[in-house]
């Protein structure tokens, strides 16, 4: 997806500017609010993606919604206006968050389970993950009853599948050969 590559470039540039101004944490908060507001407001999302609506209108709306945003964020809005790229704003915000976390030694791990993780199990998973990573880990638990039992651990671009469904599929493949 071409928008993603552009979003990464914009996010890196904004992060560099924010670091130079020693303001990356505040800009990260702005990006979190951009993600939240766009996700929760379908009309705003349609508005940003609508090619009929002109850039100055989009800029005015974003400037009003995010009036208390940092100067770097407002500069991003101005840059998107000049380049006619408002539709990639949510992707830029998401990429900025990922780059910010990476630069601060934070990593979010996705653990998919059939039932919600108990605090005891979460601490065991966290202890096991710490053996593989020196970063500060945050666990995001996704509930998916279709895996029947076990778990699927996704850490960056690595995945460990210890689900019952995966094991059943492996057995099926072995018996069919």
N, C-alpha and C. Protein backbone atom coordinates (compact mmCIF):
# COMPACT_ATOMS: atom_id res chain seq x y z
N UNK A 1 0.84 -1.17 0.00
CA UNK A 1 0.00 0.00 0.00
C UNK A 1 0.89 1.23 0.00
N UNK A 2 0.75 2.07 -1.01
CA UNK A 2 1.62 3.22 -1.18
C UNK A 2 1.45 4.23 -0.06
N UNK A 3 0.24 4.38 0.48
CA UNK A 3 -0.02 5.32 1.56
C UNK A 3 0.78 4.99 2.80
N UNK A 4 1.04 3.72 3.03
CA UNK A 4 1.77 3.31 4.21
C UNK A 4 3.23 3.75 4.13
N UNK A 5 3.82 3.61 2.98
CA UNK A 5 5.21 4.03 2.82
C UNK A 5 5.33 5.53 3.03
N UNK A 6 4.40 6.26 2.48
CA UNK A 6 4.40 7.72 2.66
C UNK A 6 4.16 8.06 4.13
N UNK A 7 3.26 7.33 4.78
CA UNK A 7 2.95 7.58 6.19
C UNK A 7 4.19 7.37 7.05
N UNK A 8 4.97 6.35 6.75
CA UNK A 8 6.20 6.10 7.50
C UNK A 8 7.17 7.27 7.33
N UNK A 9 7.28 7.77 6.12
CA UNK A 9 8.20 8.88 5.87
C UNK A 9 7.75 10.14 6.62
N UNK A 10 6.47 10.44 6.55
CA UNK A 10 5.95 11.61 7.28
C UNK A 10 6.17 11.42 8.78
N UNK A 11 5.87 10.24 9.29
CA UNK A 11 6.00 9.98 10.72
C UNK A 11 7.45 10.13 11.18
N UNK A 12 8.39 9.62 10.39
CA UNK A 12 9.81 9.76 10.74
C UNK A 12 10.21 11.23 10.77
N UNK A 13 9.74 11.98 9.80
CA UNK A 13 10.08 13.41 9.74
C UNK A 13 9.51 14.16 10.94
N UNK A 14 8.27 13.89 11.28
CA UNK A 14 7.65 14.57 12.42
C UNK A 14 8.35 14.16 13.71
N UNK A 15 8.71 12.90 13.85
CA UNK A 15 9.42 12.45 15.04
C UNK A 15 10.78 13.14 15.15
N UNK A 16 11.48 13.27 14.04
CA UNK A 16 12.78 13.95 14.05
C UNK A 16 12.63 15.41 14.48
N UNK A 17 11.61 16.08 13.95
CA UNK A 17 11.36 17.48 14.31
C UNK A 17 11.00 17.59 15.79
N UNK A 18 10.13 16.68 16.24
CA UNK A 18 9.71 16.71 17.65
C UNK A 18 10.90 16.43 18.58
N UNK A 19 11.79 15.51 18.19
CA UNK A 19 12.97 15.23 19.01
C UNK A 19 13.89 16.45 19.06
N UNK A 20 14.04 17.11 17.93
CA UNK A 20 14.88 18.31 17.88
C UNK A 20 14.34 19.39 18.81
N UNK A 21 13.02 19.44 18.94
CA UNK A 21 12.37 20.42 19.82
C UNK A 21 12.13 19.87 21.22
N UNK A 22 12.60 18.64 21.47
CA UNK A 22 12.42 17.97 22.76
C UNK A 22 10.93 17.92 23.15
N UNK A 23 10.09 17.55 22.19
CA UNK A 23 8.64 17.60 22.38
C UNK A 23 7.96 16.33 21.88
N UNK A 24 8.73 15.23 21.73
CA UNK A 24 8.16 14.02 21.12
C UNK A 24 7.05 13.39 21.93
N UNK A 25 7.07 13.52 23.25
CA UNK A 25 6.02 12.92 24.09
C UNK A 25 4.69 13.64 23.89
N UNK A 26 4.73 14.97 23.81
CA UNK A 26 3.50 15.73 23.59
C UNK A 26 2.93 15.49 22.20
N UNK A 27 3.81 15.37 21.22
CA UNK A 27 3.35 15.08 19.85
C UNK A 27 2.76 13.66 19.81
N UNK A 28 3.34 12.73 20.57
CA UNK A 28 2.79 11.38 20.64
C UNK A 28 1.36 11.41 21.20
N UNK A 29 1.13 12.25 22.20
CA UNK A 29 -0.22 12.41 22.75
C UNK A 29 -1.17 12.96 21.68
N UNK A 30 -0.69 13.91 20.88
CA UNK A 30 -1.50 14.43 19.77
C UNK A 30 -1.86 13.32 18.79
N UNK A 31 -0.86 12.51 18.45
CA UNK A 31 -1.09 11.43 17.49
C UNK A 31 -2.08 10.40 18.04
N UNK A 32 -1.99 10.13 19.34
CA UNK A 32 -2.96 9.23 19.96
C UNK A 32 -4.37 9.80 19.86
N UNK A 33 -4.50 11.10 20.09
CA UNK A 33 -5.84 11.71 19.99
C UNK A 33 -6.33 11.73 18.54
N UNK A 34 -5.43 11.92 17.58
CA UNK A 34 -5.83 11.85 16.16
C UNK A 34 -6.39 10.46 15.86
N UNK A 35 -5.67 9.42 16.28
CA UNK A 35 -6.12 8.05 16.03
C UNK A 35 -7.49 7.81 16.66
N UNK A 36 -7.64 8.20 17.91
CA UNK A 36 -8.88 7.98 18.64
C UNK A 36 -10.05 8.73 18.02
N UNK A 37 -9.85 10.01 17.74
CA UNK A 37 -10.94 10.84 17.21
C UNK A 37 -11.35 10.38 15.82
N UNK A 38 -10.40 10.07 14.97
CA UNK A 38 -10.75 9.62 13.61
C UNK A 38 -11.43 8.26 13.65
N UNK A 39 -10.97 7.37 14.54
CA UNK A 39 -11.57 6.04 14.64
C UNK A 39 -13.00 6.11 15.16
N UNK A 40 -13.23 7.00 16.13
CA UNK A 40 -14.55 7.09 16.76
C UNK A 40 -15.54 7.92 15.95
N UNK A 41 -15.06 8.73 15.03
CA UNK A 41 -15.93 9.63 14.29
C UNK A 41 -15.91 9.28 12.81
N UNK A 42 -16.89 8.50 12.39
CA UNK A 42 -16.96 8.04 10.99
C UNK A 42 -17.12 9.21 10.02
N UNK A 43 -17.83 10.25 10.44
CA UNK A 43 -18.02 11.41 9.57
C UNK A 43 -16.70 12.11 9.29
N UNK A 44 -15.87 12.24 10.31
CA UNK A 44 -14.56 12.88 10.12
C UNK A 44 -13.69 12.04 9.19
N UNK A 45 -13.74 10.73 9.38
CA UNK A 45 -12.96 9.83 8.53
C UNK A 45 -13.40 9.97 7.07
N UNK A 46 -14.70 9.95 6.83
CA UNK A 46 -15.22 10.14 5.46
C UNK A 46 -14.81 11.49 4.91
N UNK A 47 -14.86 12.50 5.76
CA UNK A 47 -14.49 13.86 5.36
C UNK A 47 -13.04 13.90 4.90
N UNK A 48 -12.14 13.26 5.65
CA UNK A 48 -10.73 13.26 5.29
C UNK A 48 -10.45 12.49 4.01
N UNK A 49 -11.21 11.41 3.79
CA UNK A 49 -11.00 10.57 2.61
C UNK A 49 -11.73 11.09 1.36
N UNK A 50 -12.64 12.02 1.54
CA UNK A 50 -13.46 12.51 0.43
C UNK A 50 -12.64 13.37 -0.51
N UNK A 51 -12.48 12.95 -1.78
CA UNK A 51 -11.67 13.73 -2.72
C UNK A 51 -12.37 15.00 -3.21
N UNK A 52 -13.68 15.10 -3.00
CA UNK A 52 -14.43 16.27 -3.44
C UNK A 52 -14.17 17.46 -2.53
N UNK A 53 -13.97 17.18 -1.24
CA UNK A 53 -13.72 18.25 -0.27
C UNK A 53 -12.30 18.77 -0.48
N UNK A 54 -12.18 20.06 -0.61
CA UNK A 54 -10.88 20.68 -0.89
C UNK A 54 -10.00 20.71 0.36
N UNK A 55 -8.70 20.73 0.14
CA UNK A 55 -7.71 20.71 1.20
C UNK A 55 -7.86 21.82 2.23
N UNK A 56 -8.10 23.07 1.82
CA UNK A 56 -8.24 24.14 2.82
C UNK A 56 -9.39 23.88 3.81
N UNK A 57 -10.47 23.26 3.33
CA UNK A 57 -11.59 22.93 4.23
C UNK A 57 -11.16 21.87 5.23
N UNK A 58 -10.43 20.86 4.77
CA UNK A 58 -9.95 19.81 5.66
C UNK A 58 -8.98 20.40 6.68
N UNK A 59 -8.11 21.28 6.21
CA UNK A 59 -7.15 21.92 7.11
C UNK A 59 -7.86 22.73 8.19
N UNK A 60 -8.89 23.47 7.80
CA UNK A 60 -9.63 24.31 8.74
C UNK A 60 -10.32 23.45 9.81
N UNK A 61 -10.93 22.34 9.37
CA UNK A 61 -11.62 21.46 10.31
C UNK A 61 -10.62 20.83 11.28
N UNK A 62 -9.51 20.32 10.76
CA UNK A 62 -8.50 19.71 11.63
C UNK A 62 -7.90 20.74 12.59
N UNK A 63 -7.68 21.94 12.11
CA UNK A 63 -7.12 22.99 12.96
C UNK A 63 -8.08 23.34 14.09
N UNK A 64 -9.38 23.28 13.81
CA UNK A 64 -10.36 23.58 14.86
C UNK A 64 -10.50 22.42 15.85
N UNK A 65 -10.54 21.19 15.33
CA UNK A 65 -10.67 20.02 16.20
C UNK A 65 -9.45 19.88 17.10
N UNK A 66 -8.28 20.09 16.52
CA UNK A 66 -7.02 19.92 17.26
C UNK A 66 -6.38 21.28 17.54
N UNK A 67 -7.19 22.21 18.03
CA UNK A 67 -6.71 23.57 18.30
C UNK A 67 -5.61 23.59 19.35
N UNK A 68 -5.64 22.66 20.29
CA UNK A 68 -4.64 22.66 21.36
C UNK A 68 -3.44 21.77 21.02
N UNK A 69 -3.34 21.34 19.79
CA UNK A 69 -2.24 20.45 19.38
C UNK A 69 -0.91 21.20 19.38
N UNK A 70 0.15 20.42 19.42
CA UNK A 70 1.51 20.97 19.41
C UNK A 70 1.80 21.59 18.04
N UNK A 71 2.79 22.47 18.00
CA UNK A 71 3.16 23.13 16.75
C UNK A 71 3.60 22.13 15.69
N UNK A 72 4.28 21.06 16.10
CA UNK A 72 4.72 20.04 15.14
C UNK A 72 3.52 19.37 14.48
N UNK A 73 2.48 19.12 15.25
CA UNK A 73 1.27 18.49 14.70
C UNK A 73 0.57 19.45 13.75
N UNK A 74 0.50 20.69 14.12
CA UNK A 74 -0.11 21.70 13.24
C UNK A 74 0.71 21.86 11.96
N UNK A 75 2.03 21.75 12.10
CA UNK A 75 2.90 21.78 10.93
C UNK A 75 2.65 20.61 10.01
N UNK A 76 2.35 19.45 10.61
CA UNK A 76 1.99 18.27 9.80
C UNK A 76 0.73 18.54 9.01
N UNK A 77 -0.28 19.15 9.66
CA UNK A 77 -1.52 19.47 8.95
C UNK A 77 -1.24 20.39 7.77
N UNK A 78 -0.37 21.39 7.97
CA UNK A 78 -0.01 22.32 6.90
C UNK A 78 0.70 21.58 5.76
N UNK A 79 1.58 20.66 6.11
CA UNK A 79 2.30 19.89 5.10
C UNK A 79 1.35 19.00 4.31
N UNK A 80 0.39 18.38 5.01
CA UNK A 80 -0.60 17.55 4.32
C UNK A 80 -1.47 18.40 3.40
N UNK A 81 -1.75 19.63 3.79
CA UNK A 81 -2.51 20.55 2.93
C UNK A 81 -1.72 20.84 1.66
N UNK A 82 -0.45 21.16 1.81
CA UNK A 82 0.39 21.49 0.65
C UNK A 82 0.54 20.31 -0.29
N UNK A 83 0.62 19.09 0.27
CA UNK A 83 0.84 17.90 -0.56
C UNK A 83 -0.44 17.14 -0.89
N UNK A 84 -1.59 17.65 -0.43
CA UNK A 84 -2.89 17.02 -0.70
C UNK A 84 -2.91 15.56 -0.27
N UNK A 85 -2.52 15.30 1.00
CA UNK A 85 -2.40 13.93 1.50
C UNK A 85 -3.16 13.71 2.81
N UNK A 86 -4.25 14.41 3.05
CA UNK A 86 -4.98 14.30 4.31
C UNK A 86 -5.48 12.89 4.58
N UNK A 87 -5.70 12.11 3.55
CA UNK A 87 -6.25 10.76 3.74
C UNK A 87 -5.29 9.82 4.47
N UNK A 88 -4.02 10.16 4.52
CA UNK A 88 -3.07 9.27 5.21
C UNK A 88 -2.78 9.73 6.64
N UNK A 89 -3.51 10.73 7.14
CA UNK A 89 -3.28 11.23 8.49
C UNK A 89 -3.39 10.13 9.56
N UNK A 90 -4.44 9.28 9.55
CA UNK A 90 -4.50 8.23 10.57
C UNK A 90 -3.31 7.26 10.50
N UNK A 91 -2.86 6.95 9.29
CA UNK A 91 -1.71 6.06 9.12
C UNK A 91 -0.43 6.73 9.64
N UNK A 92 -0.30 8.03 9.41
CA UNK A 92 0.87 8.76 9.91
C UNK A 92 0.88 8.73 11.43
N UNK A 93 -0.28 8.98 12.03
CA UNK A 93 -0.37 8.98 13.49
C UNK A 93 -0.01 7.61 14.06
N UNK A 94 -0.50 6.56 13.43
CA UNK A 94 -0.21 5.20 13.88
C UNK A 94 1.28 4.88 13.75
N UNK A 95 1.86 5.26 12.63
CA UNK A 95 3.29 5.03 12.41
C UNK A 95 4.14 5.84 13.40
N UNK A 96 3.70 7.06 13.69
CA UNK A 96 4.42 7.89 14.66
C UNK A 96 4.44 7.19 16.01
N UNK A 97 3.28 6.68 16.44
CA UNK A 97 3.21 5.97 17.72
C UNK A 97 4.18 4.79 17.75
N UNK A 98 4.21 4.02 16.67
CA UNK A 98 5.09 2.86 16.61
C UNK A 98 6.56 3.28 16.67
N UNK A 99 6.92 4.32 15.93
CA UNK A 99 8.31 4.81 15.95
C UNK A 99 8.67 5.40 17.31
N UNK A 100 7.74 6.10 17.93
CA UNK A 100 7.96 6.67 19.25
C UNK A 100 8.22 5.56 20.27
N UNK A 101 7.37 4.54 20.24
CA UNK A 101 7.54 3.41 21.16
C UNK A 101 8.89 2.73 20.94
N UNK A 102 9.23 2.52 19.68
CA UNK A 102 10.50 1.86 19.35
C UNK A 102 11.69 2.67 19.85
N UNK A 103 11.63 3.97 19.67
CA UNK A 103 12.76 4.82 20.09
C UNK A 103 12.87 4.91 21.61
N UNK A 104 11.78 4.62 22.31
CA UNK A 104 11.79 4.66 23.78
C UNK A 104 11.89 3.28 24.41
N UNK A 105 12.16 2.26 23.61
CA UNK A 105 12.35 0.91 24.13
C UNK A 105 11.07 0.25 24.59
N UNK A 106 9.95 0.63 24.01
CA UNK A 106 8.66 0.03 24.34
C UNK A 106 8.22 -0.89 23.22
N UNK A 107 7.55 -1.97 23.58
CA UNK A 107 7.03 -2.88 22.55
C UNK A 107 5.69 -3.42 23.02
N UNK A 108 4.73 -3.43 22.10
CA UNK A 108 3.43 -3.99 22.40
C UNK A 108 3.37 -5.39 21.81
N UNK A 109 3.00 -6.34 22.65
CA UNK A 109 2.89 -7.74 22.25
C UNK A 109 1.42 -8.10 22.23
N UNK A 110 0.98 -8.75 21.16
CA UNK A 110 -0.42 -9.15 21.05
C UNK A 110 -0.52 -10.63 21.40
N UNK A 111 -1.33 -10.92 22.41
CA UNK A 111 -1.57 -12.30 22.83
C UNK A 111 -3.04 -12.60 22.56
N UNK A 112 -3.29 -13.52 21.64
CA UNK A 112 -4.65 -13.91 21.31
C UNK A 112 -4.99 -15.17 22.08
N UNK A 113 -6.09 -15.12 22.81
CA UNK A 113 -6.53 -16.27 23.61
C UNK A 113 -8.02 -16.49 23.39
N UNK A 114 -8.49 -17.69 23.76
CA UNK A 114 -9.92 -17.99 23.65
C UNK A 114 -10.70 -17.30 24.76
N UNK A 115 -10.08 -17.14 25.92
CA UNK A 115 -10.69 -16.47 27.07
C UNK A 115 -9.77 -15.35 27.52
N UNK A 116 -10.29 -14.35 28.24
CA UNK A 116 -9.42 -13.27 28.72
C UNK A 116 -8.29 -13.80 29.60
N UNK A 117 -7.12 -13.17 29.47
CA UNK A 117 -5.96 -13.55 30.29
C UNK A 117 -6.22 -13.21 31.76
N UNK A 118 -5.90 -14.13 32.64
CA UNK A 118 -5.94 -13.83 34.07
C UNK A 118 -4.66 -13.09 34.42
N UNK A 119 -4.66 -12.41 35.54
CA UNK A 119 -3.46 -11.66 35.93
C UNK A 119 -2.27 -12.59 36.16
N UNK A 120 -2.55 -13.80 36.69
CA UNK A 120 -1.50 -14.77 36.92
C UNK A 120 -0.87 -15.23 35.61
N UNK A 121 -1.73 -15.57 34.65
CA UNK A 121 -1.25 -16.02 33.34
C UNK A 121 -0.53 -14.88 32.60
N UNK A 122 -1.05 -13.67 32.74
CA UNK A 122 -0.42 -12.52 32.09
C UNK A 122 1.00 -12.30 32.63
N UNK A 123 1.17 -12.45 33.94
CA UNK A 123 2.51 -12.28 34.51
C UNK A 123 3.46 -13.38 34.04
N UNK A 124 2.94 -14.61 33.86
CA UNK A 124 3.77 -15.71 33.35
C UNK A 124 4.20 -15.44 31.90
N UNK A 125 3.24 -14.97 31.08
CA UNK A 125 3.54 -14.65 29.68
C UNK A 125 4.56 -13.52 29.62
N UNK A 126 4.37 -12.52 30.46
CA UNK A 126 5.28 -11.38 30.50
C UNK A 126 6.69 -11.81 30.91
N UNK A 127 6.79 -12.71 31.88
CA UNK A 127 8.10 -13.22 32.31
C UNK A 127 8.78 -13.98 31.18
N UNK A 128 8.02 -14.77 30.43
CA UNK A 128 8.57 -15.55 29.31
C UNK A 128 9.05 -14.61 28.19
N UNK A 129 8.26 -13.58 27.91
CA UNK A 129 8.62 -12.64 26.85
C UNK A 129 9.90 -11.89 27.22
N UNK A 130 10.07 -11.56 28.47
CA UNK A 130 11.26 -10.82 28.93
C UNK A 130 12.54 -11.61 28.67
N UNK A 131 12.44 -12.93 28.54
CA UNK A 131 13.61 -13.74 28.21
C UNK A 131 14.11 -13.45 26.79
N UNK A 132 13.18 -13.03 25.91
CA UNK A 132 13.51 -12.80 24.51
C UNK A 132 13.76 -11.34 24.18
N UNK A 133 13.30 -10.43 25.02
CA UNK A 133 13.38 -9.02 24.69
C UNK A 133 13.86 -8.20 25.87
N UNK A 134 14.66 -7.19 25.58
CA UNK A 134 15.12 -6.29 26.63
C UNK A 134 14.23 -5.05 26.73
N UNK A 135 13.25 -4.94 25.84
CA UNK A 135 12.37 -3.78 25.82
C UNK A 135 11.31 -3.89 26.92
N UNK A 136 10.72 -2.75 27.21
CA UNK A 136 9.60 -2.74 28.15
C UNK A 136 8.36 -3.21 27.38
N UNK A 137 7.70 -4.24 27.89
CA UNK A 137 6.63 -4.92 27.16
C UNK A 137 5.26 -4.52 27.70
N UNK A 138 4.34 -4.29 26.76
CA UNK A 138 2.94 -4.09 27.09
C UNK A 138 2.17 -5.19 26.39
N UNK A 139 1.27 -5.85 27.12
CA UNK A 139 0.50 -6.94 26.54
C UNK A 139 -0.87 -6.44 26.12
N UNK A 140 -1.22 -6.72 24.87
CA UNK A 140 -2.55 -6.43 24.35
C UNK A 140 -3.24 -7.78 24.15
N UNK A 141 -4.25 -8.05 24.96
CA UNK A 141 -4.95 -9.34 24.90
C UNK A 141 -6.13 -9.24 23.95
N UNK A 142 -6.12 -10.09 22.90
CA UNK A 142 -7.22 -10.17 21.95
C UNK A 142 -7.95 -11.48 22.20
N UNK A 143 -9.26 -11.40 22.31
CA UNK A 143 -10.07 -12.59 22.58
C UNK A 143 -10.61 -13.12 21.26
N UNK A 144 -10.33 -14.40 20.97
CA UNK A 144 -10.82 -15.05 19.75
C UNK A 144 -11.22 -16.48 20.10
N UNK A 145 -12.52 -16.71 20.37
CA UNK A 145 -12.97 -18.05 20.76
C UNK A 145 -12.71 -19.12 19.70
N UNK A 146 -12.48 -18.73 18.46
CA UNK A 146 -12.29 -19.72 17.39
C UNK A 146 -10.97 -20.49 17.53
N UNK A 147 -10.04 -20.02 18.37
CA UNK A 147 -8.78 -20.77 18.54
C UNK A 147 -8.94 -21.90 19.56
N UNK A 148 -10.11 -22.02 20.16
CA UNK A 148 -10.52 -23.07 21.09
C UNK A 148 -9.76 -23.01 22.41
N UNK A 149 -8.45 -23.00 22.37
CA UNK A 149 -7.63 -22.95 23.58
C UNK A 149 -6.21 -22.61 23.22
N UNK A 150 -5.36 -22.48 24.22
CA UNK A 150 -3.98 -22.11 23.97
C UNK A 150 -3.86 -20.62 23.71
N UNK A 151 -2.85 -20.23 22.94
CA UNK A 151 -2.65 -18.80 22.66
C UNK A 151 -1.85 -18.62 21.38
N UNK A 152 -1.91 -17.41 20.85
CA UNK A 152 -1.09 -16.99 19.72
C UNK A 152 -0.37 -15.73 20.19
N UNK A 153 0.95 -15.75 20.15
CA UNK A 153 1.75 -14.63 20.60
C UNK A 153 2.36 -13.94 19.39
N UNK A 154 2.11 -12.64 19.23
CA UNK A 154 2.66 -11.86 18.13
C UNK A 154 3.53 -10.76 18.71
N UNK A 155 4.83 -10.83 18.39
CA UNK A 155 5.79 -9.86 18.91
C UNK A 155 6.57 -9.30 17.73
N UNK A 156 6.24 -8.08 17.35
CA UNK A 156 6.87 -7.49 16.17
C UNK A 156 6.45 -8.27 14.93
N UNK A 157 7.43 -8.78 14.19
CA UNK A 157 7.11 -9.57 12.99
C UNK A 157 7.22 -11.07 13.25
N UNK A 158 7.33 -11.46 14.53
CA UNK A 158 7.41 -12.87 14.90
C UNK A 158 6.08 -13.32 15.50
N UNK A 159 5.76 -14.58 15.24
CA UNK A 159 4.52 -15.14 15.78
C UNK A 159 4.78 -16.55 16.28
N UNK A 160 4.24 -16.85 17.46
CA UNK A 160 4.29 -18.20 18.02
C UNK A 160 2.86 -18.64 18.21
N UNK A 161 2.47 -19.72 17.52
CA UNK A 161 1.09 -20.20 17.56
C UNK A 161 1.02 -21.48 18.36
N UNK A 162 0.48 -21.37 19.57
CA UNK A 162 0.31 -22.53 20.45
C UNK A 162 -1.18 -22.76 20.69
N UNK A 163 -1.99 -22.52 19.65
CA UNK A 163 -3.44 -22.68 19.80
C UNK A 163 -3.85 -24.11 19.49
N UNK A 164 -4.98 -24.49 20.04
CA UNK A 164 -5.53 -25.83 19.81
C UNK A 164 -5.88 -26.00 18.34
N UNK A 165 -6.45 -24.96 17.73
CA UNK A 165 -6.82 -25.03 16.31
C UNK A 165 -5.59 -25.28 15.45
N UNK A 166 -4.49 -24.61 15.75
CA UNK A 166 -3.26 -24.80 14.98
C UNK A 166 -2.77 -26.24 15.11
N UNK A 167 -2.81 -26.78 16.31
CA UNK A 167 -2.36 -28.16 16.53
C UNK A 167 -3.24 -29.14 15.78
N UNK A 168 -4.56 -28.90 15.78
CA UNK A 168 -5.49 -29.76 15.04
C UNK A 168 -5.22 -29.71 13.54
N UNK A 169 -4.92 -28.52 13.04
CA UNK A 169 -4.60 -28.39 11.61
C UNK A 169 -3.30 -29.11 11.28
N UNK A 170 -2.33 -29.06 12.17
CA UNK A 170 -1.07 -29.79 11.95
C UNK A 170 -1.33 -31.30 11.89
N UNK A 171 -2.15 -31.79 12.81
CA UNK A 171 -2.49 -33.22 12.81
C UNK A 171 -3.23 -33.61 11.53
N UNK A 172 -4.12 -32.76 11.08
CA UNK A 172 -4.88 -33.01 9.85
C UNK A 172 -3.92 -33.13 8.65
N UNK A 173 -2.95 -32.21 8.59
CA UNK A 173 -1.96 -32.24 7.50
C UNK A 173 -1.11 -33.51 7.55
N UNK A 174 -0.74 -33.92 8.77
CA UNK A 174 0.08 -35.12 8.92
C UNK A 174 -0.69 -36.37 8.48
N UNK A 175 -1.96 -36.44 8.83
CA UNK A 175 -2.75 -37.61 8.46
C UNK A 175 -3.11 -37.63 6.97
N UNK A 176 -3.21 -36.47 6.34
CA UNK A 176 -3.57 -36.44 4.94
C UNK A 176 -2.38 -36.75 4.04
N UNK A 177 -1.17 -36.70 4.56
CA UNK A 177 0.02 -37.01 3.75
C UNK A 177 0.29 -38.44 3.75
